[in-house]
Amino acid sequence: MTGRTMDIHLLDRNYRVSCPDGQESALQRAADNLNQRLEETRQRTKLTNMEQLAVMTALNLCHEWMQDQAEQAERHAALEEKIELLQATIEQAISEQRHDRR
């Protein structure tokens, strides 16, 4: 896998990170999003220690991700239930159609 090194800017600090070829804009968008989230955490908590800010922001992001996963699982289960109901309805209609032909 080839890649390149990019500089990203987070809370007034520069970081040099590796990036796979073709993913530069995705990495920059992720860095911009993370920087915004770090700034929001800093303003909300008044923390100044970079490590504490990073941990708090990571915890918030993980919590949001877990909530999204749970919501997605609920939507998936609801769709599965609808599909099963639709399949049962189709099977019943086919069965009734066969019965009526006799």
N, C-alpha and C. Protein backbone atom coordinates (compact mmCIF):
# COMPACT_ATOMS: atom_id res chain seq x y z
N MET A 1 0.85 -1.18 0.00
CA MET A 1 0.00 0.00 0.00
C MET A 1 0.89 1.24 0.00
N THR A 2 0.64 2.10 -0.97
CA THR A 2 1.41 3.34 -1.02
C THR A 2 0.63 4.45 -0.36
N GLY A 3 1.30 5.47 -0.02
CA GLY A 3 0.66 6.60 0.63
C GLY A 3 1.60 7.77 0.69
N ARG A 4 1.12 8.75 1.39
CA ARG A 4 1.95 9.94 1.54
C ARG A 4 1.75 10.48 2.94
N THR A 5 2.56 11.44 3.29
CA THR A 5 2.46 12.09 4.59
C THR A 5 1.76 13.43 4.41
N MET A 6 0.82 13.70 5.31
CA MET A 6 0.09 14.96 5.27
C MET A 6 0.21 15.67 6.61
N ASP A 7 0.13 16.97 6.58
CA ASP A 7 0.06 17.76 7.81
C ASP A 7 -1.39 18.11 8.05
N ILE A 8 -1.85 17.86 9.29
CA ILE A 8 -3.19 18.29 9.68
C ILE A 8 -3.06 19.21 10.88
N HIS A 9 -4.06 20.04 11.09
CA HIS A 9 -4.03 21.06 12.12
C HIS A 9 -5.16 20.79 13.11
N LEU A 10 -4.81 20.56 14.38
CA LEU A 10 -5.80 20.32 15.43
C LEU A 10 -5.48 21.20 16.62
N LEU A 11 -6.41 22.05 17.00
CA LEU A 11 -6.25 22.93 18.16
C LEU A 11 -4.88 23.60 18.22
N ASP A 12 -4.61 24.35 17.19
CA ASP A 12 -3.38 25.15 17.14
C ASP A 12 -2.10 24.33 17.11
N ARG A 13 -2.23 23.05 16.80
CA ARG A 13 -1.04 22.19 16.68
C ARG A 13 -1.07 21.48 15.34
N ASN A 14 0.12 21.26 14.80
CA ASN A 14 0.24 20.53 13.54
C ASN A 14 0.67 19.11 13.82
N TYR A 15 0.11 18.19 13.07
CA TYR A 15 0.45 16.77 13.18
C TYR A 15 0.73 16.23 11.79
N ARG A 16 1.77 15.46 11.68
CA ARG A 16 2.13 14.82 10.42
C ARG A 16 1.62 13.39 10.49
N VAL A 17 0.75 13.02 9.53
CA VAL A 17 0.15 11.69 9.55
C VAL A 17 0.28 11.04 8.17
N SER A 18 0.29 9.72 8.16
CA SER A 18 0.31 8.97 6.90
C SER A 18 -1.09 8.90 6.34
N CYS A 19 -1.17 8.92 5.02
CA CYS A 19 -2.47 8.89 4.36
C CYS A 19 -2.36 8.04 3.09
N PRO A 20 -3.28 7.08 2.91
CA PRO A 20 -3.26 6.30 1.66
C PRO A 20 -3.52 7.20 0.46
N ASP A 21 -2.92 6.85 -0.66
CA ASP A 21 -3.14 7.61 -1.89
C ASP A 21 -4.64 7.69 -2.20
N GLY A 22 -5.08 8.86 -2.60
CA GLY A 22 -6.47 9.06 -2.97
C GLY A 22 -7.40 9.38 -1.82
N GLN A 23 -6.88 9.34 -0.59
CA GLN A 23 -7.71 9.60 0.59
C GLN A 23 -7.40 10.94 1.25
N GLU A 24 -6.65 11.76 0.57
CA GLU A 24 -6.22 13.03 1.16
C GLU A 24 -7.41 13.93 1.54
N SER A 25 -8.37 14.07 0.65
CA SER A 25 -9.50 14.96 0.96
C SER A 25 -10.36 14.38 2.08
N ALA A 26 -10.51 13.05 2.12
CA ALA A 26 -11.27 12.43 3.21
C ALA A 26 -10.57 12.64 4.54
N LEU A 27 -9.25 12.51 4.55
CA LEU A 27 -8.50 12.75 5.78
C LEU A 27 -8.63 14.20 6.21
N GLN A 28 -8.56 15.11 5.27
CA GLN A 28 -8.66 16.53 5.62
C GLN A 28 -10.05 16.85 6.18
N ARG A 29 -11.09 16.27 5.59
CA ARG A 29 -12.45 16.49 6.12
C ARG A 29 -12.57 15.92 7.54
N ALA A 30 -11.99 14.73 7.75
CA ALA A 30 -12.02 14.12 9.09
C ALA A 30 -11.27 14.99 10.08
N ALA A 31 -10.11 15.50 9.68
CA ALA A 31 -9.32 16.37 10.56
C ALA A 31 -10.08 17.65 10.87
N ASP A 32 -10.74 18.22 9.87
CA ASP A 32 -11.51 19.45 10.09
C ASP A 32 -12.67 19.18 11.06
N ASN A 33 -13.34 18.04 10.88
CA ASN A 33 -14.44 17.67 11.77
C ASN A 33 -13.93 17.47 13.19
N LEU A 34 -12.82 16.75 13.32
CA LEU A 34 -12.25 16.51 14.64
C LEU A 34 -11.83 17.81 15.29
N ASN A 35 -11.21 18.68 14.53
CA ASN A 35 -10.80 19.98 15.09
C ASN A 35 -12.01 20.76 15.60
N GLN A 36 -13.09 20.74 14.85
CA GLN A 36 -14.31 21.42 15.29
C GLN A 36 -14.83 20.80 16.58
N ARG A 37 -14.83 19.46 16.65
CA ARG A 37 -15.31 18.79 17.86
C ARG A 37 -14.40 19.08 19.06
N LEU A 38 -13.10 19.13 18.83
CA LEU A 38 -12.16 19.47 19.90
C LEU A 38 -12.43 20.90 20.41
N GLU A 39 -12.65 21.82 19.48
CA GLU A 39 -12.94 23.21 19.85
C GLU A 39 -14.23 23.28 20.67
N GLU A 40 -15.26 22.55 20.23
CA GLU A 40 -16.53 22.54 20.97
C GLU A 40 -16.34 21.99 22.38
N THR A 41 -15.56 20.92 22.51
CA THR A 41 -15.29 20.35 23.83
C THR A 41 -14.52 21.34 24.69
N ARG A 42 -13.55 22.00 24.10
CA ARG A 42 -12.76 22.99 24.86
C ARG A 42 -13.65 24.12 25.36
N GLN A 43 -14.54 24.62 24.51
CA GLN A 43 -15.43 25.71 24.91
C GLN A 43 -16.43 25.25 25.97
N ARG A 44 -16.95 24.05 25.80
CA ARG A 44 -17.98 23.55 26.72
C ARG A 44 -17.41 23.19 28.09
N THR A 45 -16.22 22.61 28.12
CA THR A 45 -15.66 22.09 29.36
C THR A 45 -14.64 23.03 30.01
N LYS A 46 -14.13 23.96 29.23
CA LYS A 46 -13.07 24.88 29.69
C LYS A 46 -11.76 24.15 29.98
N LEU A 47 -11.63 22.90 29.50
CA LEU A 47 -10.37 22.18 29.65
C LEU A 47 -9.31 22.82 28.78
N THR A 48 -8.07 22.78 29.24
CA THR A 48 -6.96 23.32 28.45
C THR A 48 -5.92 22.27 28.11
N ASN A 49 -5.91 21.17 28.85
CA ASN A 49 -4.95 20.10 28.61
C ASN A 49 -5.36 19.33 27.35
N MET A 50 -4.45 19.28 26.38
CA MET A 50 -4.74 18.65 25.09
C MET A 50 -5.14 17.18 25.25
N GLU A 51 -4.45 16.47 26.12
CA GLU A 51 -4.77 15.05 26.31
C GLU A 51 -6.18 14.88 26.87
N GLN A 52 -6.55 15.69 27.85
CA GLN A 52 -7.89 15.61 28.41
C GLN A 52 -8.94 15.97 27.36
N LEU A 53 -8.67 16.99 26.56
CA LEU A 53 -9.60 17.37 25.49
C LEU A 53 -9.77 16.23 24.49
N ALA A 54 -8.65 15.60 24.13
CA ALA A 54 -8.70 14.50 23.18
C ALA A 54 -9.51 13.33 23.73
N VAL A 55 -9.30 13.00 25.00
CA VAL A 55 -10.02 11.88 25.61
C VAL A 55 -11.51 12.19 25.72
N MET A 56 -11.87 13.39 26.16
CA MET A 56 -13.28 13.76 26.28
C MET A 56 -13.96 13.75 24.92
N THR A 57 -13.28 14.28 23.92
CA THR A 57 -13.85 14.31 22.57
C THR A 57 -14.00 12.89 22.03
N ALA A 58 -13.00 12.04 22.26
CA ALA A 58 -13.08 10.65 21.80
C ALA A 58 -14.23 9.91 22.48
N LEU A 59 -14.40 10.13 23.78
CA LEU A 59 -15.52 9.51 24.49
C LEU A 59 -16.86 9.96 23.93
N ASN A 60 -16.99 11.26 23.66
CA ASN A 60 -18.23 11.77 23.08
C ASN A 60 -18.49 11.17 21.70
N LEU A 61 -17.45 11.10 20.89
CA LEU A 61 -17.61 10.53 19.54
C LEU A 61 -17.99 9.05 19.62
N CYS A 62 -17.36 8.30 20.52
CA CYS A 62 -17.68 6.88 20.68
C CYS A 62 -19.11 6.70 21.16
N HIS A 63 -19.53 7.54 22.09
CA HIS A 63 -20.90 7.46 22.59
C HIS A 63 -21.90 7.72 21.46
N GLU A 64 -21.65 8.75 20.67
CA GLU A 64 -22.53 9.05 19.54
C GLU A 64 -22.54 7.90 18.54
N TRP A 65 -21.38 7.32 18.27
CA TRP A 65 -21.29 6.20 17.34
C TRP A 65 -22.09 5.01 17.85
N MET A 66 -21.97 4.73 19.15
CA MET A 66 -22.72 3.61 19.73
C MET A 66 -24.22 3.86 19.65
N GLN A 67 -24.65 5.09 19.89
CA GLN A 67 -26.07 5.42 19.75
C GLN A 67 -26.53 5.24 18.32
N ASP A 68 -25.73 5.68 17.37
CA ASP A 68 -26.07 5.51 15.95
C ASP A 68 -26.17 4.03 15.59
N GLN A 69 -25.25 3.22 16.12
CA GLN A 69 -25.29 1.78 15.85
C GLN A 69 -26.56 1.15 16.41
N ALA A 70 -26.95 1.55 17.61
CA ALA A 70 -28.17 1.02 18.22
C ALA A 70 -29.40 1.43 17.42
N GLU A 71 -29.45 2.68 16.98
CA GLU A 71 -30.57 3.15 16.17
C GLU A 71 -30.62 2.41 14.83
N GLN A 72 -29.46 2.18 14.25
CA GLN A 72 -29.39 1.46 12.98
C GLN A 72 -29.87 0.02 13.17
N ALA A 73 -29.50 -0.61 14.27
CA ALA A 73 -29.95 -1.98 14.56
C ALA A 73 -31.47 -2.02 14.72
N GLU A 74 -32.04 -1.01 15.37
CA GLU A 74 -33.49 -0.94 15.53
C GLU A 74 -34.17 -0.79 14.17
N ARG A 75 -33.64 0.09 13.32
CA ARG A 75 -34.21 0.26 11.99
C ARG A 75 -34.10 -1.02 11.18
N HIS A 76 -32.98 -1.70 11.30
CA HIS A 76 -32.77 -2.96 10.59
C HIS A 76 -33.79 -4.01 11.05
N ALA A 77 -33.99 -4.11 12.35
CA ALA A 77 -34.95 -5.08 12.89
C ALA A 77 -36.36 -4.74 12.41
N ALA A 78 -36.72 -3.47 12.38
CA ALA A 78 -38.05 -3.07 11.91
C ALA A 78 -38.23 -3.42 10.43
N LEU A 79 -37.20 -3.21 9.63
CA LEU A 79 -37.27 -3.57 8.21
C LEU A 79 -37.40 -5.08 8.03
N GLU A 80 -36.64 -5.84 8.81
CA GLU A 80 -36.73 -7.30 8.74
C GLU A 80 -38.15 -7.77 9.06
N GLU A 81 -38.74 -7.14 10.07
CA GLU A 81 -40.11 -7.50 10.46
C GLU A 81 -41.09 -7.19 9.33
N LYS A 82 -40.94 -6.05 8.69
CA LYS A 82 -41.80 -5.69 7.57
C LYS A 82 -41.61 -6.64 6.40
N ILE A 83 -40.37 -7.02 6.12
CA ILE A 83 -40.10 -7.95 5.04
C ILE A 83 -40.75 -9.30 5.32
N GLU A 84 -40.64 -9.79 6.55
CA GLU A 84 -41.26 -11.06 6.91
C GLU A 84 -42.78 -11.00 6.75
N LEU A 85 -43.37 -9.89 7.16
CA LEU A 85 -44.82 -9.72 7.01
C LEU A 85 -45.20 -9.70 5.53
N LEU A 86 -44.42 -9.00 4.73
CA LEU A 86 -44.67 -8.94 3.30
C LEU A 86 -44.54 -10.32 2.66
N GLN A 87 -43.51 -11.07 3.05
CA GLN A 87 -43.33 -12.43 2.53
C GLN A 87 -44.50 -13.32 2.90
N ALA A 88 -44.96 -13.21 4.13
CA ALA A 88 -46.09 -14.03 4.58
C ALA A 88 -47.35 -13.65 3.80
N THR A 89 -47.55 -12.37 3.56
CA THR A 89 -48.71 -11.91 2.80
C THR A 89 -48.66 -12.43 1.37
N ILE A 90 -47.49 -12.37 0.74
CA ILE A 90 -47.32 -12.87 -0.63
C ILE A 90 -47.56 -14.37 -0.68
N GLU A 91 -46.98 -15.10 0.27
CA GLU A 91 -47.17 -16.55 0.30
C GLU A 91 -48.64 -16.91 0.48
N GLN A 92 -49.33 -16.16 1.32
CA GLN A 92 -50.76 -16.43 1.53
C GLN A 92 -51.54 -16.14 0.26
N ALA A 93 -51.22 -15.04 -0.42
CA ALA A 93 -51.92 -14.70 -1.66
C ALA A 93 -51.67 -15.76 -2.73
N ILE A 94 -50.46 -16.25 -2.84
CA ILE A 94 -50.14 -17.30 -3.81
C ILE A 94 -50.89 -18.58 -3.47
N SER A 95 -50.92 -18.91 -2.20
CA SER A 95 -51.64 -20.11 -1.76
C SER A 95 -53.13 -20.01 -2.07
N GLU A 96 -53.72 -18.86 -1.81
CA GLU A 96 -55.14 -18.65 -2.10
C GLU A 96 -55.41 -18.70 -3.58
N GLN A 97 -54.48 -18.17 -4.38
CA GLN A 97 -54.64 -18.19 -5.83
C GLN A 97 -54.59 -19.62 -6.34
N ARG A 98 -53.72 -20.44 -5.83
CA ARG A 98 -53.64 -21.85 -6.22
C ARG A 98 -54.91 -22.59 -5.82
N HIS A 99 -55.40 -22.28 -4.65
CA HIS A 99 -56.62 -22.94 -4.14
C HIS A 99 -57.82 -22.57 -5.01
N ASP A 100 -57.89 -21.31 -5.45
CA ASP A 100 -59.01 -20.84 -6.27
C ASP A 100 -58.98 -21.47 -7.66
N ARG A 101 -57.83 -21.85 -8.17
CA ARG A 101 -57.71 -22.45 -9.50
C ARG A 101 -58.22 -23.88 -9.52
N ARG A 102 -58.28 -24.50 -8.39
CA ARG A 102 -58.69 -25.92 -8.33
C ARG A 102 -60.14 -26.05 -8.46
